[in-house]
Protein backbone atom coordinates (compact mmCIF):
# COMPACT_ATOMS: atom_id res chain seq x y z
CA MET A 1 150.55 38.10 71.44
CA SER A 2 148.13 39.01 68.67
CA GLN A 3 146.38 42.40 68.53
CA ARG A 4 143.00 40.68 69.06
CA THR A 5 144.27 38.93 72.20
CA ALA A 6 145.73 42.16 73.54
CA MET A 7 142.48 44.03 72.94
CA GLY A 8 140.59 41.23 74.64
CA LEU A 9 142.79 41.44 77.71
CA VAL A 10 142.40 45.23 77.82
CA SER A 11 138.63 44.88 77.54
CA LEU A 12 138.60 42.27 80.30
CA CYS A 13 140.67 44.50 82.57
CA LEU A 14 138.41 47.48 81.91
CA THR A 15 135.31 45.37 82.59
CA LEU A 16 136.75 44.10 85.85
CA ALA A 17 137.71 47.64 86.84
CA LEU A 18 134.20 48.90 86.10
CA TRP A 19 132.68 46.07 88.14
CA ALA A 20 135.02 46.84 91.02
CA VAL A 21 133.98 50.51 90.93
CA ALA A 22 130.29 49.55 90.69
CA VAL A 23 130.55 47.12 93.62
CA PHE A 24 132.27 49.56 95.97
CA LEU A 25 130.73 52.87 94.83
CA PRO A 26 128.43 54.37 97.52
CA LEU A 27 124.78 54.20 96.48
CA PRO A 28 121.83 56.32 97.75
CA TYR A 29 120.08 53.48 99.57
CA VAL A 30 119.84 52.04 103.07
CA THR A 31 119.10 48.52 104.22
CA TYR A 32 116.75 47.28 106.94
CA THR A 33 117.60 43.92 108.56
CA PRO A 34 116.25 42.18 111.68
CA GLY A 35 117.85 43.25 114.96
CA PRO A 36 117.86 41.64 118.40
CA THR A 37 114.83 41.38 120.67
CA VAL A 38 114.92 42.31 124.36
CA ASP A 39 112.76 40.88 127.12
CA ILE A 40 111.72 43.96 129.12
CA LEU A 41 110.63 41.78 132.04
CA SER A 42 114.16 40.46 132.45
CA THR A 43 117.25 41.97 134.05
CA THR A 44 120.33 43.72 132.66
CA ASP A 45 123.60 43.30 134.57
CA GLY A 46 121.60 41.96 137.51
CA GLU A 47 119.21 44.96 137.60
CA GLU A 48 115.51 44.78 136.76
CA ASN A 49 114.57 46.56 133.53
CA VAL A 50 111.34 47.76 135.15
CA VAL A 51 112.03 49.34 138.54
CA VAL A 52 109.13 50.38 140.79
CA SER A 53 109.32 52.51 143.95
CA GLY A 54 106.29 53.20 146.16
CA HIS A 55 104.11 50.38 144.82
CA GLN A 56 104.12 46.59 144.95
CA ALA A 57 105.97 45.00 142.04
CA TYR A 58 105.12 41.48 140.87
CA ARG A 59 107.85 39.41 139.25
CA ASP A 60 106.76 36.28 137.40
CA ASP A 61 107.40 34.04 134.43
CA GLY A 62 106.84 35.03 130.84
CA GLU A 63 108.46 37.42 128.40
CA LEU A 64 107.45 40.69 126.79
CA ARG A 65 110.00 41.39 124.09
CA LEU A 66 110.62 44.64 122.25
CA THR A 67 111.92 44.22 118.72
CA THR A 68 114.58 46.17 116.82
CA ILE A 69 116.04 46.53 113.37
CA TYR A 70 119.46 47.37 111.99
CA VAL A 71 119.42 50.43 109.70
CA ASP A 72 122.49 51.76 107.91
CA PRO A 73 123.51 55.05 109.61
CA PRO A 74 123.15 58.32 107.64
CA GLN A 75 126.88 58.73 107.02
CA GLU A 76 127.71 55.10 106.27
CA ASP A 77 128.55 54.23 102.69
CA VAL A 78 126.26 51.53 101.31
CA THR A 79 127.56 49.71 98.25
CA LEU A 80 126.16 47.20 95.80
CA PHE A 81 128.04 44.56 97.79
CA ASP A 82 125.91 45.55 100.84
CA LEU A 83 122.63 45.89 98.96
CA LEU A 84 122.51 42.58 97.13
CA PRO A 85 122.16 40.32 100.22
CA ALA A 86 119.40 42.56 101.61
CA TYR A 87 117.65 42.72 98.24
CA PHE A 88 117.44 38.96 97.92
CA SER A 89 116.67 38.23 101.59
CA PRO A 90 112.95 37.75 102.41
CA ASP A 91 113.57 39.25 105.86
CA ALA A 92 115.39 42.41 104.74
CA ALA A 93 114.48 45.51 102.77
CA VAL A 94 116.15 48.23 100.70
CA TYR A 95 114.88 51.83 100.72
CA PRO A 96 116.01 55.05 99.03
CA ARG A 97 118.12 57.07 101.46
CA SER A 98 115.94 60.14 100.81
CA SER A 99 112.89 58.31 102.21
CA VAL A 100 114.68 57.52 105.47
CA TYR A 101 117.00 60.46 106.21
CA ARG A 102 116.99 64.21 105.66
CA PRO A 103 119.71 65.57 103.34
CA ASP A 104 121.53 67.22 106.26
CA GLU A 105 121.11 64.35 108.72
CA THR A 106 124.26 63.02 110.38
CA ASP A 107 125.02 60.07 112.63
CA GLU A 108 125.16 62.49 115.56
CA THR A 109 121.83 64.22 114.90
CA ARG A 110 120.18 60.88 114.29
CA ASP A 111 121.45 59.50 117.60
CA GLN A 112 120.31 62.62 119.45
CA GLU A 113 116.82 62.45 117.97
CA SER A 114 116.62 58.73 118.69
CA GLU A 115 117.56 59.28 122.34
CA VAL A 116 114.93 62.00 122.75
CA GLN A 117 112.31 59.78 121.11
CA MET A 118 113.17 56.88 123.42
CA ALA A 119 113.01 59.06 126.53
CA THR A 120 109.65 60.49 125.48
CA SER A 121 108.40 57.00 124.60
CA GLN A 122 109.39 55.64 128.03
CA GLU A 123 107.51 58.45 129.77
CA ALA A 124 104.39 57.87 127.67
CA ALA A 125 104.56 54.09 128.13
CA VAL A 126 104.66 54.34 131.93
CA ALA A 127 101.90 56.97 132.03
CA THR A 128 99.68 54.93 129.71
CA ALA A 129 100.03 51.78 131.82
CA LEU A 130 99.20 53.68 135.01
CA ILE A 131 96.18 55.36 133.41
CA GLU A 132 94.97 51.95 132.21
CA LEU A 133 95.25 50.74 135.82
CA GLY A 134 93.15 53.68 137.05
CA HIS A 135 95.86 55.89 138.56
CA ASP A 136 95.78 59.69 138.33
CA VAL A 137 98.53 60.99 136.05
CA GLY A 138 99.36 64.66 135.45
CA ARG A 139 101.39 66.08 132.57
CA VAL A 140 103.73 69.02 131.95
CA VAL A 141 105.52 70.32 128.84
CA GLU A 142 109.24 70.39 129.52
CA VAL A 143 112.29 71.82 127.77
CA LEU A 144 114.48 68.87 126.72
CA GLU A 145 117.12 70.77 124.75
CA VAL A 146 118.16 74.38 124.10
CA THR A 147 119.85 75.10 120.75
CA ASP A 148 123.11 77.05 120.83
CA GLY A 149 122.90 80.47 119.23
CA MET A 150 119.09 80.58 119.20
CA PRO A 151 116.91 83.09 121.14
CA ALA A 152 116.18 80.65 123.98
CA GLU A 153 119.88 80.26 124.83
CA GLY A 154 120.54 81.85 128.22
CA ARG A 155 116.85 82.36 128.87
CA LEU A 156 115.34 78.88 128.98
CA ARG A 157 117.00 75.88 130.59
CA VAL A 158 116.77 72.14 130.15
CA GLY A 159 114.20 70.95 132.67
CA ASP A 160 112.09 74.13 132.62
CA GLU A 161 108.36 73.34 132.71
CA VAL A 162 106.51 75.68 130.34
CA VAL A 163 103.39 76.85 132.18
CA ARG A 164 102.06 79.71 130.03
CA ALA A 165 102.80 81.51 126.77
CA ARG A 166 101.21 84.95 127.08
CA SER A 167 97.77 84.08 128.50
CA THR A 168 97.65 80.59 126.97
CA ALA A 169 98.14 77.60 129.26
CA VAL A 170 100.71 75.28 127.69
CA ASP A 171 99.30 71.75 127.96
CA GLU A 172 100.73 70.43 124.68
CA GLN A 173 103.93 71.18 122.76
CA GLN A 174 101.78 72.58 119.96
CA ASP A 175 100.41 75.27 122.31
CA LEU A 176 103.84 76.87 122.53
CA VAL A 177 104.53 76.36 118.82
CA ASP A 178 101.30 78.19 117.97
CA GLU A 179 102.13 81.11 120.26
CA VAL A 180 105.63 81.41 118.81
CA GLN A 181 104.23 81.56 115.28
CA ALA A 182 101.63 84.17 116.33
CA THR A 183 104.23 86.51 117.85
CA PRO A 184 104.69 89.69 115.73
CA ASP A 185 108.11 90.04 114.12
CA GLY A 186 110.71 91.44 116.46
CA GLU A 187 108.47 91.35 119.55
CA PRO A 188 109.22 89.23 122.63
CA LEU A 189 107.03 86.35 123.71
CA ASP A 190 106.14 86.38 127.41
CA LEU A 191 106.51 82.96 129.00
CA VAL A 192 106.08 81.59 132.49
CA VAL A 193 108.16 78.52 133.35
CA ARG A 194 108.39 76.46 136.50
CA ARG A 195 112.04 76.20 137.52
CA ASP A 196 113.23 74.59 140.76
CA GLY A 197 109.63 74.56 141.99
CA GLU A 198 109.01 78.28 141.38
CA GLU A 199 107.21 80.07 138.53
CA VAL A 200 109.62 82.37 136.68
CA PRO A 201 108.71 84.95 133.97
CA VAL A 202 110.86 84.74 130.82
CA GLN A 203 110.87 86.74 127.59
CA VAL A 204 112.10 85.20 124.35
CA THR A 205 112.03 86.92 120.95
CA PRO A 206 111.37 84.38 118.17
CA ARG A 207 113.60 84.37 115.09
CA GLU A 208 112.54 83.33 111.61
CA VAL A 209 114.41 80.26 110.38
CA GLU A 210 113.59 78.68 107.02
CA GLY A 211 110.26 80.46 106.84
CA ALA A 212 109.05 79.67 110.36
CA LYS A 213 109.47 81.45 113.68
CA ARG A 214 111.54 79.55 116.22
CA VAL A 215 112.99 80.09 119.68
CA GLY A 216 115.37 77.11 119.63
CA VAL A 217 114.07 74.50 122.05
CA VAL A 218 113.13 70.84 121.88
CA LEU A 219 110.03 70.13 123.95
CA GLY A 220 108.74 66.94 125.50
CA VAL A 221 105.98 65.83 127.82
CA ARG A 222 106.80 64.77 131.36
CA TYR A 223 104.22 63.07 133.52
CA SER A 224 103.44 63.53 137.19
CA LEU A 225 103.07 59.99 138.54
CA PRO A 226 101.63 58.77 141.85
CA PHE A 227 104.77 56.64 142.34
CA ASP A 228 108.05 56.13 140.53
CA VAL A 229 108.43 53.69 137.65
CA GLN A 230 111.59 53.51 135.54
CA VAL A 231 112.11 51.43 132.40
CA THR A 232 115.69 50.90 131.23
CA ILE A 233 116.52 48.76 128.21
CA GLY A 234 120.09 49.73 127.30
CA ASP A 235 121.77 52.70 125.69
CA ASN A 236 122.01 51.15 122.23
CA ILE A 237 118.25 51.09 121.60
CA GLY A 238 116.51 54.29 120.57
CA GLY A 239 113.42 55.63 118.86
CA PRO A 240 109.77 55.50 119.87
CA SER A 241 108.73 52.09 118.57
CA ALA A 242 109.09 50.16 121.86
CA GLY A 243 106.31 52.16 123.52
CA LEU A 244 103.61 49.47 123.41
CA MET A 245 105.85 46.72 124.77
CA MET A 246 107.22 48.93 127.56
CA SER A 247 103.68 49.85 128.57
CA LEU A 248 102.67 46.18 128.67
CA ALA A 249 105.76 45.37 130.77
CA VAL A 250 104.88 48.10 133.29
CA TYR A 251 101.27 46.87 133.41
CA ASP A 252 102.44 43.29 134.02
CA THR A 253 104.90 44.37 136.71
CA LEU A 254 102.21 46.26 138.62
CA THR A 255 99.61 43.46 138.53
CA PRO A 256 99.67 39.99 140.14
CA GLY A 257 100.25 36.96 137.94
CA SER A 258 101.86 36.59 134.54
CA LEU A 259 100.22 38.66 131.82
CA THR A 260 101.61 36.28 129.19
CA GLY A 261 100.80 33.11 131.11
CA GLY A 262 104.50 32.27 131.08
CA GLY A 263 104.63 32.54 127.28
CA ARG A 264 106.76 34.66 125.00
CA VAL A 265 105.06 37.70 123.46
CA ALA A 266 106.71 40.33 121.26
CA GLY A 267 105.50 43.34 119.36
CA THR A 268 106.10 46.91 118.33
CA GLY A 269 104.36 50.25 118.08
CA GLU A 270 104.47 53.78 119.41
CA ILE A 271 102.03 54.63 122.18
CA ASP A 272 100.47 57.81 123.53
CA GLU A 273 98.90 58.53 126.89
CA ALA A 274 95.44 57.83 125.46
CA GLY A 275 96.61 54.27 124.80
CA ASN A 276 96.66 54.55 121.00
CA VAL A 277 99.20 52.37 119.23
CA GLY A 278 100.91 54.11 116.32
CA PRO A 279 102.73 52.69 113.26
CA ILE A 280 106.48 52.18 113.05
CA GLY A 281 109.08 51.41 110.39
CA GLY A 282 110.58 48.02 109.64
CA VAL A 283 107.64 45.92 110.81
CA GLN A 284 108.59 43.03 108.50
CA GLN A 285 112.11 42.88 109.91
CA LYS A 286 110.80 43.04 113.48
CA ILE A 287 108.42 40.16 112.86
CA ALA A 288 111.31 38.13 111.40
CA GLY A 289 113.52 38.94 114.40
CA ALA A 290 110.82 37.85 116.85
CA ARG A 291 110.08 34.69 114.90
CA ASP A 292 113.72 33.64 115.06
CA THR A 293 113.75 33.93 118.88
CA GLY A 294 110.85 31.50 119.32
CA THR A 295 108.20 34.13 120.03
CA GLU A 296 104.68 32.71 120.14
CA LEU A 297 102.55 35.86 119.70
CA PHE A 298 103.42 39.11 117.93
CA LEU A 299 101.40 42.32 118.30
CA VAL A 300 101.17 44.31 115.04
CA PRO A 301 100.08 47.97 115.06
CA ALA A 302 96.85 48.21 113.07
CA ASP A 303 98.29 50.99 110.88
CA ASN A 304 101.17 48.69 109.89
CA CYS A 305 98.89 45.99 108.49
CA ASP A 306 99.65 46.97 104.91
CA GLY A 307 103.31 46.14 105.55
CA VAL A 308 102.97 42.55 106.77
CA SER A 309 101.82 40.87 103.57
CA GLY A 310 104.32 38.31 102.43
CA VAL A 311 105.98 38.05 105.85
CA ASP A 312 106.70 34.51 107.02
CA PRO A 313 105.85 34.38 110.75
CA GLY A 314 106.56 30.67 111.03
CA ASP A 315 104.56 29.21 113.93
CA MET A 316 104.18 32.64 115.54
CA ARG A 317 100.70 34.17 115.64
CA LEU A 318 100.13 37.79 114.59
CA ALA A 319 97.48 39.91 116.30
CA ARG A 320 96.39 43.35 115.08
CA VAL A 321 96.09 45.96 117.84
CA ALA A 322 95.17 49.65 117.75
CA THR A 323 95.21 50.40 121.49
CA LEU A 324 96.79 49.18 124.70
CA ALA A 325 93.41 47.79 125.76
CA GLU A 326 93.20 45.74 122.55
CA ALA A 327 96.72 44.41 123.14
CA LEU A 328 95.77 43.33 126.67
CA ASP A 329 92.61 41.65 125.34
CA ALA A 330 94.54 39.82 122.63
CA ILE A 331 97.13 38.51 125.07
CA GLU A 332 94.46 37.43 127.56
CA ALA A 333 92.52 35.57 124.85
CA TRP A 334 95.69 33.89 123.59
CA VAL A 335 96.74 32.83 127.10
CA GLU A 336 93.33 31.23 127.68
CA ASP A 337 93.42 29.51 124.30
CA PRO A 338 96.49 29.61 122.03
CA ASP A 339 94.16 28.85 119.09
CA ALA A 340 91.62 31.56 119.98
CA ASP A 341 90.27 33.87 117.27
CA LEU A 342 92.39 37.03 117.44
CA PRO A 343 92.03 40.24 115.41
CA THR A 344 94.32 39.99 112.40
CA CYS A 345 95.40 42.16 109.49
CA GLU A 346 93.52 39.83 107.19
CA ASP A 347 90.30 40.67 109.07
CA GLU A 348 90.95 44.39 108.53
CA ALA A 349 91.59 43.90 104.82
CA ALA A 350 88.36 41.88 104.48
């Protein structure tokens, strides 16, 4: 074997080795790809996804489908081999890991946050539907989680309803946050919580963590409803983005007739008790997932309109909505006439 041939073989081996390293080396990116859709009006293991007690429930034809995406978990290695298919797919996306996850985020913390967001979203979705239907709905700020080793441990409990912080009525999570920040260093904060139906005084001394005073609780809003409504869509779906579709499913279940006219409607968007629809991530992938299940109408949050350009919806219509009321109007107009003029992202851009 000549020296030139030997050097060529060595170079080839080194090149192949470098390519192998490049292909399997973890890269600081994550991929978004379309996930499954779930008809909230259907059943899971023989049980209704929307369960109502104390009020007439109406079961009918039609589908209201929440949409999901697959996102690489925080601790999963993503290689060039994983990125290339997503990069070249019109229905997928690649994002820097730093724009999706915090540096210290783990699979466990992500799952915990996602579960809390879903629980809060379900509460808001039910409350919003009932308010839209004219029912009286109350609200309380509740302790969802107490952090080990923080000042609230042993003093506050999961399920405590925070009534007052000093003389301030706590109607929003921010009310307690503001009072914690205003507490002088080293002094206790006087709280009143409702526990087991009784008001209980509690003192918690905030501690400064990363430049901000904290007591170590995760808060959420719980609603006082005139009757019980539960929405269950499986343990493997988290986050807040199904709020709009859950609210529509509750509204449909509590009213006679099919909201969708027997058709298949999908969508996405966070929702608050005022009925405002908020933006979400992965709207392009959610549209693609709905399109591939034969969905006829997709509801796009108005604040996500800048993310739908270039998306191929196929035969599926896209309607821009900013509130629950607008979503109901769009569905009603579409049911009456599938070719009706609906608000679109193109209208907003114009």
